[in-house]
Amino acid sequence: MVDTVNVLLRIKRKNRVVIGLAKTNSMSKAKVLGTMYGIQITKPWNNEMYEHNDLVAEEMKENLFQAINEAYQKDDETSLREIGKSLLAYGFGQGYDLDEIHAEICRELDMVQNYWLNEEYPYLVKKGYVKNTKMNFIGYDK
């Protein structure tokens, strides 16, 4: 379905400015930046890009959930705090026990945004907390 928007159009006629509305096709302005994993990368993003990135995020969240639970079961507070700080952008000060940290990280994991995972997940892979995903996000580096 073609998405149309109203755009303010200013036309100069015989030293007068006439203001009117014109319809434009916003999809015709989509710039093709390449192809990755068989998906055309465009700006603005297309639905296939969003769907792909949501699937990648789902795999990342599953890996993170596994890593969080492993650290929790091993009573590895240092790892749990580091994973949590990377995901939540804040750390847990003194006074938080392992149960509270684990519960908060799990609660927030479900709501973490794809752009945040795109930034933080590679760091957690490098630190050895999670394994790399089969595919990466698309569209963030363009």
N, C-alpha and C. Protein backbone atom coordinates (compact mmCIF):
# COMPACT_ATOMS: atom_id res chain seq x y z
N MET A 1 0.84 -1.17 0.00
CA MET A 1 0.00 0.00 0.00
C MET A 1 0.89 1.23 0.00
N VAL A 2 0.56 2.19 -0.83
CA VAL A 2 1.38 3.39 -0.96
C VAL A 2 0.99 4.38 0.13
N ASP A 3 1.98 4.87 0.83
CA ASP A 3 1.76 5.82 1.90
C ASP A 3 1.89 7.23 1.32
N THR A 4 0.89 8.07 1.53
CA THR A 4 0.96 9.44 1.03
C THR A 4 0.87 10.40 2.18
N VAL A 5 1.50 11.52 2.03
CA VAL A 5 1.47 12.57 3.04
C VAL A 5 1.18 13.89 2.37
N ASN A 6 0.59 14.78 3.13
CA ASN A 6 0.36 16.12 2.62
C ASN A 6 1.59 16.97 2.90
N VAL A 7 2.00 17.71 1.91
CA VAL A 7 3.18 18.54 2.04
C VAL A 7 2.79 19.96 1.68
N LEU A 8 3.25 20.89 2.49
CA LEU A 8 3.00 22.29 2.20
C LEU A 8 3.80 22.70 0.98
N LEU A 9 3.15 23.26 0.03
CA LEU A 9 3.79 23.63 -1.23
C LEU A 9 3.69 25.12 -1.42
N ARG A 10 4.82 25.76 -1.63
CA ARG A 10 4.84 27.21 -1.86
C ARG A 10 5.21 27.44 -3.31
N ILE A 11 4.38 28.16 -4.00
CA ILE A 11 4.61 28.44 -5.40
C ILE A 11 4.66 29.95 -5.57
N LYS A 12 5.70 30.41 -6.23
CA LYS A 12 5.83 31.84 -6.48
C LYS A 12 5.26 32.14 -7.86
N ARG A 13 4.21 32.95 -7.89
CA ARG A 13 3.58 33.34 -9.15
C ARG A 13 3.50 34.85 -9.22
N LYS A 14 4.11 35.41 -10.23
CA LYS A 14 4.05 36.85 -10.49
C LYS A 14 4.27 37.65 -9.21
N ASN A 15 5.37 37.38 -8.51
CA ASN A 15 5.77 38.07 -7.30
C ASN A 15 4.81 37.85 -6.12
N ARG A 16 3.95 36.85 -6.20
CA ARG A 16 3.07 36.49 -5.10
C ARG A 16 3.41 35.07 -4.66
N VAL A 17 3.31 34.82 -3.42
CA VAL A 17 3.53 33.48 -2.92
C VAL A 17 2.17 32.85 -2.67
N VAL A 18 1.94 31.74 -3.31
CA VAL A 18 0.69 31.00 -3.15
C VAL A 18 1.00 29.76 -2.31
N ILE A 19 0.22 29.56 -1.30
CA ILE A 19 0.43 28.40 -0.43
C ILE A 19 -0.69 27.41 -0.68
N GLY A 20 -0.32 26.15 -0.88
CA GLY A 20 -1.32 25.11 -1.13
C GLY A 20 -0.82 23.77 -0.62
N LEU A 21 -1.62 22.75 -0.76
CA LEU A 21 -1.26 21.41 -0.34
C LEU A 21 -1.04 20.53 -1.56
N ALA A 22 -0.03 19.73 -1.51
CA ALA A 22 0.23 18.77 -2.58
C ALA A 22 0.47 17.42 -1.94
N LYS A 23 0.08 16.36 -2.61
CA LYS A 23 0.31 15.01 -2.09
C LYS A 23 1.58 14.46 -2.72
N THR A 24 2.39 13.82 -1.89
CA THR A 24 3.59 13.17 -2.40
C THR A 24 3.59 11.73 -1.93
N ASN A 25 4.27 10.91 -2.64
CA ASN A 25 4.41 9.51 -2.29
C ASN A 25 5.69 9.37 -1.48
N SER A 26 5.55 9.13 -0.15
CA SER A 26 6.74 9.05 0.70
C SER A 26 7.58 7.82 0.38
N MET A 27 6.97 6.74 -0.13
CA MET A 27 7.74 5.55 -0.47
C MET A 27 8.63 5.78 -1.69
N SER A 28 8.23 6.70 -2.56
CA SER A 28 9.06 6.96 -3.72
C SER A 28 10.37 7.62 -3.30
N LYS A 29 10.41 8.15 -2.08
CA LYS A 29 11.62 8.78 -1.58
C LYS A 29 12.53 7.80 -0.84
N ALA A 30 12.14 6.53 -0.78
CA ALA A 30 12.96 5.53 -0.10
C ALA A 30 14.24 5.33 -0.89
N LYS A 31 15.33 5.50 -0.20
CA LYS A 31 16.65 5.37 -0.81
C LYS A 31 17.16 3.95 -0.57
N VAL A 32 17.52 3.26 -1.64
CA VAL A 32 18.03 1.89 -1.52
C VAL A 32 19.53 1.98 -1.23
N LEU A 33 19.95 1.34 -0.14
CA LEU A 33 21.34 1.40 0.30
C LEU A 33 22.11 0.12 0.06
N GLY A 34 21.42 -0.92 -0.33
CA GLY A 34 22.08 -2.20 -0.59
C GLY A 34 21.18 -3.36 -0.22
N THR A 35 21.79 -4.53 -0.18
CA THR A 35 21.06 -5.74 0.17
C THR A 35 21.90 -6.55 1.15
N MET A 36 21.24 -7.13 2.14
CA MET A 36 21.91 -7.98 3.12
C MET A 36 20.95 -9.08 3.52
N TYR A 37 21.42 -10.31 3.55
CA TYR A 37 20.59 -11.48 3.87
C TYR A 37 19.38 -11.57 2.95
N GLY A 38 19.51 -11.08 1.73
CA GLY A 38 18.41 -11.10 0.77
C GLY A 38 17.35 -10.05 1.01
N ILE A 39 17.62 -9.11 1.90
CA ILE A 39 16.67 -8.05 2.23
C ILE A 39 17.20 -6.73 1.71
N GLN A 40 16.35 -6.01 0.99
CA GLN A 40 16.75 -4.71 0.47
C GLN A 40 16.79 -3.72 1.62
N ILE A 41 17.93 -3.06 1.79
CA ILE A 41 18.11 -2.08 2.85
C ILE A 41 17.75 -0.71 2.29
N THR A 42 16.76 -0.09 2.92
CA THR A 42 16.29 1.21 2.45
C THR A 42 16.28 2.21 3.60
N LYS A 43 16.24 3.45 3.21
CA LYS A 43 16.05 4.52 4.17
C LYS A 43 14.92 5.36 3.66
N PRO A 44 13.79 5.49 4.32
CA PRO A 44 13.47 4.90 5.62
C PRO A 44 13.34 3.38 5.53
N TRP A 45 13.39 2.76 6.70
CA TRP A 45 13.36 1.31 6.77
C TRP A 45 12.05 0.76 6.21
N ASN A 46 12.14 -0.43 5.64
CA ASN A 46 10.94 -1.12 5.15
C ASN A 46 10.54 -2.20 6.16
N ASN A 47 9.36 -2.79 5.95
CA ASN A 47 8.83 -3.79 6.89
C ASN A 47 9.72 -5.02 7.01
N GLU A 48 10.32 -5.45 5.90
CA GLU A 48 11.21 -6.61 5.95
C GLU A 48 12.39 -6.37 6.88
N MET A 49 12.91 -5.15 6.88
CA MET A 49 14.03 -4.81 7.75
C MET A 49 13.61 -4.90 9.22
N TYR A 50 12.45 -4.33 9.54
CA TYR A 50 11.96 -4.40 10.92
C TYR A 50 11.74 -5.85 11.36
N GLU A 51 11.13 -6.65 10.49
CA GLU A 51 10.87 -8.05 10.83
C GLU A 51 12.17 -8.82 11.05
N HIS A 52 13.15 -8.60 10.17
CA HIS A 52 14.45 -9.26 10.31
C HIS A 52 15.09 -8.87 11.65
N ASN A 53 15.12 -7.57 11.93
CA ASN A 53 15.75 -7.10 13.16
C ASN A 53 15.05 -7.62 14.41
N ASP A 54 13.73 -7.77 14.34
CA ASP A 54 13.00 -8.34 15.48
C ASP A 54 13.38 -9.81 15.70
N LEU A 55 13.60 -10.55 14.62
CA LEU A 55 14.04 -11.95 14.75
C LEU A 55 15.45 -12.04 15.34
N VAL A 56 16.34 -11.15 14.91
CA VAL A 56 17.70 -11.12 15.45
C VAL A 56 17.64 -10.76 16.94
N ALA A 57 16.82 -9.78 17.29
CA ALA A 57 16.69 -9.36 18.69
C ALA A 57 16.16 -10.50 19.55
N GLU A 58 15.24 -11.27 19.01
CA GLU A 58 14.69 -12.41 19.75
C GLU A 58 15.79 -13.42 20.07
N GLU A 59 16.66 -13.71 19.09
CA GLU A 59 17.77 -14.64 19.33
C GLU A 59 18.73 -14.07 20.38
N MET A 60 19.01 -12.78 20.28
CA MET A 60 19.91 -12.15 21.24
C MET A 60 19.33 -12.21 22.65
N LYS A 61 18.04 -11.94 22.78
CA LYS A 61 17.41 -11.97 24.09
C LYS A 61 17.41 -13.36 24.69
N GLU A 62 17.23 -14.38 23.85
CA GLU A 62 17.29 -15.76 24.34
C GLU A 62 18.70 -16.07 24.86
N ASN A 63 19.73 -15.66 24.11
CA ASN A 63 21.11 -15.87 24.55
C ASN A 63 21.40 -15.11 25.84
N LEU A 64 20.89 -13.90 25.94
CA LEU A 64 21.11 -13.10 27.14
C LEU A 64 20.39 -13.71 28.34
N PHE A 65 19.18 -14.18 28.14
CA PHE A 65 18.43 -14.80 29.23
C PHE A 65 19.17 -16.02 29.76
N GLN A 66 19.74 -16.79 28.84
CA GLN A 66 20.53 -17.96 29.22
C GLN A 66 21.77 -17.54 30.03
N ALA A 67 22.46 -16.50 29.57
CA ALA A 67 23.67 -16.02 30.26
C ALA A 67 23.33 -15.46 31.64
N ILE A 68 22.23 -14.76 31.74
CA ILE A 68 21.80 -14.19 33.02
C ILE A 68 21.48 -15.30 34.01
N ASN A 69 20.76 -16.30 33.55
CA ASN A 69 20.40 -17.42 34.43
C ASN A 69 21.61 -18.25 34.84
N GLU A 70 22.56 -18.43 33.91
CA GLU A 70 23.79 -19.17 34.26
C GLU A 70 24.57 -18.44 35.35
N ALA A 71 24.72 -17.12 35.19
CA ALA A 71 25.44 -16.34 36.19
C ALA A 71 24.70 -16.39 37.53
N TYR A 72 23.40 -16.33 37.49
CA TYR A 72 22.59 -16.37 38.71
C TYR A 72 22.73 -17.72 39.42
N GLN A 73 22.67 -18.81 38.66
CA GLN A 73 22.76 -20.15 39.25
C GLN A 73 24.15 -20.42 39.82
N LYS A 74 25.17 -19.78 39.25
CA LYS A 74 26.54 -19.96 39.75
C LYS A 74 26.88 -18.96 40.85
N ASP A 75 25.91 -18.13 41.24
CA ASP A 75 26.14 -17.06 42.22
C ASP A 75 27.27 -16.14 41.79
N ASP A 76 27.37 -15.89 40.49
CA ASP A 76 28.41 -15.03 39.92
C ASP A 76 27.89 -13.59 39.86
N GLU A 77 27.98 -12.92 40.99
CA GLU A 77 27.44 -11.56 41.10
C GLU A 77 28.15 -10.58 40.18
N THR A 78 29.44 -10.74 40.00
CA THR A 78 30.21 -9.83 39.13
C THR A 78 29.70 -9.89 37.70
N SER A 79 29.53 -11.08 37.17
CA SER A 79 29.03 -11.24 35.80
C SER A 79 27.61 -10.73 35.67
N LEU A 80 26.79 -11.05 36.64
CA LEU A 80 25.40 -10.61 36.61
C LEU A 80 25.31 -9.09 36.61
N ARG A 81 26.12 -8.46 37.43
CA ARG A 81 26.14 -6.99 37.47
C ARG A 81 26.64 -6.40 36.14
N GLU A 82 27.65 -7.02 35.56
CA GLU A 82 28.19 -6.49 34.30
C GLU A 82 27.20 -6.65 33.15
N ILE A 83 26.55 -7.78 33.06
CA ILE A 83 25.53 -7.98 32.02
C ILE A 83 24.39 -6.99 32.24
N GLY A 84 23.98 -6.85 33.49
CA GLY A 84 22.90 -5.92 33.82
C GLY A 84 23.23 -4.48 33.48
N LYS A 85 24.44 -4.08 33.79
CA LYS A 85 24.84 -2.70 33.50
C LYS A 85 24.85 -2.44 31.99
N SER A 86 25.26 -3.42 31.23
CA SER A 86 25.28 -3.28 29.78
C SER A 86 23.86 -3.18 29.21
N LEU A 87 22.95 -3.96 29.74
CA LEU A 87 21.58 -3.96 29.25
C LEU A 87 20.76 -2.78 29.74
N LEU A 88 20.96 -2.40 30.98
CA LEU A 88 20.10 -1.40 31.61
C LEU A 88 20.69 0.01 31.60
N ALA A 89 21.96 0.13 31.32
CA ALA A 89 22.66 1.43 31.32
C ALA A 89 22.79 2.02 32.72
N TYR A 90 22.54 1.22 33.72
CA TYR A 90 22.81 1.63 35.09
C TYR A 90 23.23 0.41 35.87
N GLY A 91 23.98 0.64 36.92
CA GLY A 91 24.47 -0.45 37.73
C GLY A 91 23.68 -0.57 39.03
N PHE A 92 23.97 -1.60 39.76
CA PHE A 92 23.33 -1.85 41.04
C PHE A 92 24.34 -1.56 42.13
N GLY A 93 24.01 -0.63 43.00
CA GLY A 93 24.90 -0.28 44.10
C GLY A 93 24.84 -1.29 45.22
N GLN A 94 25.48 -0.92 46.31
CA GLN A 94 25.48 -1.77 47.50
C GLN A 94 24.06 -1.92 48.01
N GLY A 95 23.77 -3.05 48.58
CA GLY A 95 22.46 -3.27 49.16
C GLY A 95 21.53 -4.12 48.31
N TYR A 96 21.89 -4.34 47.05
CA TYR A 96 21.08 -5.21 46.20
C TYR A 96 21.62 -6.63 46.31
N ASP A 97 20.73 -7.56 46.55
CA ASP A 97 21.19 -8.94 46.57
C ASP A 97 21.02 -9.57 45.19
N LEU A 98 21.54 -10.75 45.05
CA LEU A 98 21.56 -11.44 43.76
C LEU A 98 20.14 -11.65 43.21
N ASP A 99 19.21 -11.96 44.08
CA ASP A 99 17.82 -12.18 43.64
C ASP A 99 17.21 -10.92 43.04
N GLU A 100 17.45 -9.79 43.68
CA GLU A 100 16.91 -8.52 43.19
C GLU A 100 17.54 -8.13 41.86
N ILE A 101 18.83 -8.30 41.74
CA ILE A 101 19.53 -7.97 40.49
C ILE A 101 19.01 -8.86 39.36
N HIS A 102 18.93 -10.14 39.61
CA HIS A 102 18.45 -11.09 38.60
C HIS A 102 17.03 -10.74 38.16
N ALA A 103 16.16 -10.47 39.11
CA ALA A 103 14.76 -10.16 38.79
C ALA A 103 14.65 -8.88 37.95
N GLU A 104 15.40 -7.86 38.30
CA GLU A 104 15.35 -6.59 37.57
C GLU A 104 15.88 -6.74 36.14
N ILE A 105 16.97 -7.46 35.99
CA ILE A 105 17.54 -7.66 34.64
C ILE A 105 16.56 -8.45 33.78
N CYS A 106 15.98 -9.49 34.31
CA CYS A 106 15.02 -10.30 33.55
C CYS A 106 13.79 -9.48 33.17
N ARG A 107 13.34 -8.66 34.08
CA ARG A 107 12.17 -7.82 33.82
C ARG A 107 12.46 -6.83 32.68
N GLU A 108 13.63 -6.24 32.68
CA GLU A 108 13.99 -5.24 31.68
C GLU A 108 14.42 -5.85 30.35
N LEU A 109 14.88 -7.08 30.38
CA LEU A 109 15.35 -7.74 29.15
C LEU A 109 14.27 -7.79 28.09
N ASP A 110 13.05 -8.02 28.51
CA ASP A 110 11.94 -8.12 27.57
C ASP A 110 11.69 -6.80 26.85
N MET A 111 12.02 -5.68 27.48
CA MET A 111 11.71 -4.37 26.92
C MET A 111 12.89 -3.66 26.26
N VAL A 112 14.05 -4.29 26.28
CA VAL A 112 15.22 -3.63 25.71
C VAL A 112 15.00 -3.42 24.20
N GLN A 113 15.37 -2.24 23.73
CA GLN A 113 15.16 -1.86 22.33
C GLN A 113 16.23 -2.46 21.42
N ASN A 114 15.87 -2.67 20.16
CA ASN A 114 16.80 -3.25 19.19
C ASN A 114 18.05 -2.40 19.01
N TYR A 115 17.89 -1.07 18.97
CA TYR A 115 19.06 -0.22 18.77
C TYR A 115 20.04 -0.37 19.93
N TRP A 116 19.50 -0.61 21.13
CA TRP A 116 20.37 -0.79 22.30
C TRP A 116 21.11 -2.12 22.20
N LEU A 117 20.41 -3.16 21.78
CA LEU A 117 21.06 -4.45 21.58
C LEU A 117 22.13 -4.35 20.51
N ASN A 118 21.87 -3.60 19.46
CA ASN A 118 22.85 -3.41 18.39
C ASN A 118 24.15 -2.82 18.93
N GLU A 119 24.04 -1.93 19.89
CA GLU A 119 25.22 -1.29 20.49
C GLU A 119 25.91 -2.17 21.53
N GLU A 120 25.14 -2.83 22.38
CA GLU A 120 25.69 -3.51 23.55
C GLU A 120 26.00 -4.99 23.36
N TYR A 121 25.27 -5.66 22.50
CA TYR A 121 25.45 -7.10 22.35
C TYR A 121 26.88 -7.48 21.92
N PRO A 122 27.48 -6.78 20.95
CA PRO A 122 28.85 -7.14 20.57
C PRO A 122 29.84 -7.06 21.74
N TYR A 123 29.64 -6.12 22.65
CA TYR A 123 30.50 -6.02 23.83
C TYR A 123 30.35 -7.27 24.70
N LEU A 124 29.12 -7.72 24.88
CA LEU A 124 28.89 -8.91 25.70
C LEU A 124 29.43 -10.18 25.03
N VAL A 125 29.43 -10.21 23.70
CA VAL A 125 30.05 -11.32 22.97
C VAL A 125 31.55 -11.29 23.21
N LYS A 126 32.13 -10.12 23.08
CA LYS A 126 33.59 -9.95 23.27
C LYS A 126 34.02 -10.36 24.68
N LYS A 127 33.18 -10.05 25.67
CA LYS A 127 33.49 -10.41 27.05
C LYS A 127 33.24 -11.89 27.34
N GLY A 128 32.60 -12.60 26.39
CA GLY A 128 32.38 -14.03 26.56
C GLY A 128 31.10 -14.41 27.28
N TYR A 129 30.23 -13.47 27.51
CA TYR A 129 28.98 -13.77 28.22
C TYR A 129 27.96 -14.46 27.32
N VAL A 130 27.93 -14.09 26.05
CA VAL A 130 26.96 -14.66 25.11
C VAL A 130 27.69 -15.02 23.82
N LYS A 131 27.05 -15.92 23.04
CA LYS A 131 27.62 -16.28 21.75
C LYS A 131 27.07 -15.34 20.68
N ASN A 132 27.80 -15.24 19.60
CA ASN A 132 27.37 -14.38 18.50
C ASN A 132 26.13 -14.98 17.84
N THR A 133 25.32 -14.14 17.24
CA THR A 133 24.11 -14.59 16.57
C THR A 133 24.43 -15.03 15.14
N LYS A 134 23.52 -15.81 14.55
CA LYS A 134 23.71 -16.28 13.18
C LYS A 134 23.70 -15.11 12.20
N MET A 135 22.82 -14.15 12.45
CA MET A 135 22.72 -12.96 11.61
C MET A 135 22.78 -11.73 12.49
N ASN A 136 23.14 -10.61 11.89
CA ASN A 136 23.22 -9.35 12.60
C ASN A 136 22.06 -8.44 12.21
N PHE A 137 21.90 -7.36 12.97
CA PHE A 137 20.92 -6.36 12.61
C PHE A 137 21.30 -5.74 11.28
N ILE A 138 20.31 -5.21 10.59
CA ILE A 138 20.58 -4.50 9.36
C ILE A 138 19.99 -3.09 9.45
N GLY A 139 20.65 -2.16 8.77
CA GLY A 139 20.15 -0.81 8.69
C GLY A 139 20.73 0.18 9.67
N TYR A 140 21.40 -0.30 10.70
CA TYR A 140 21.95 0.60 11.71
C TYR A 140 23.26 1.25 11.26
N ASP A 141 23.98 0.60 10.38
CA ASP A 141 25.29 1.12 9.98
C ASP A 141 25.24 1.95 8.72
N LYS A 142 24.07 2.16 8.17
CA LYS A 142 23.96 2.93 6.93
C LYS A 142 23.63 4.37 7.21
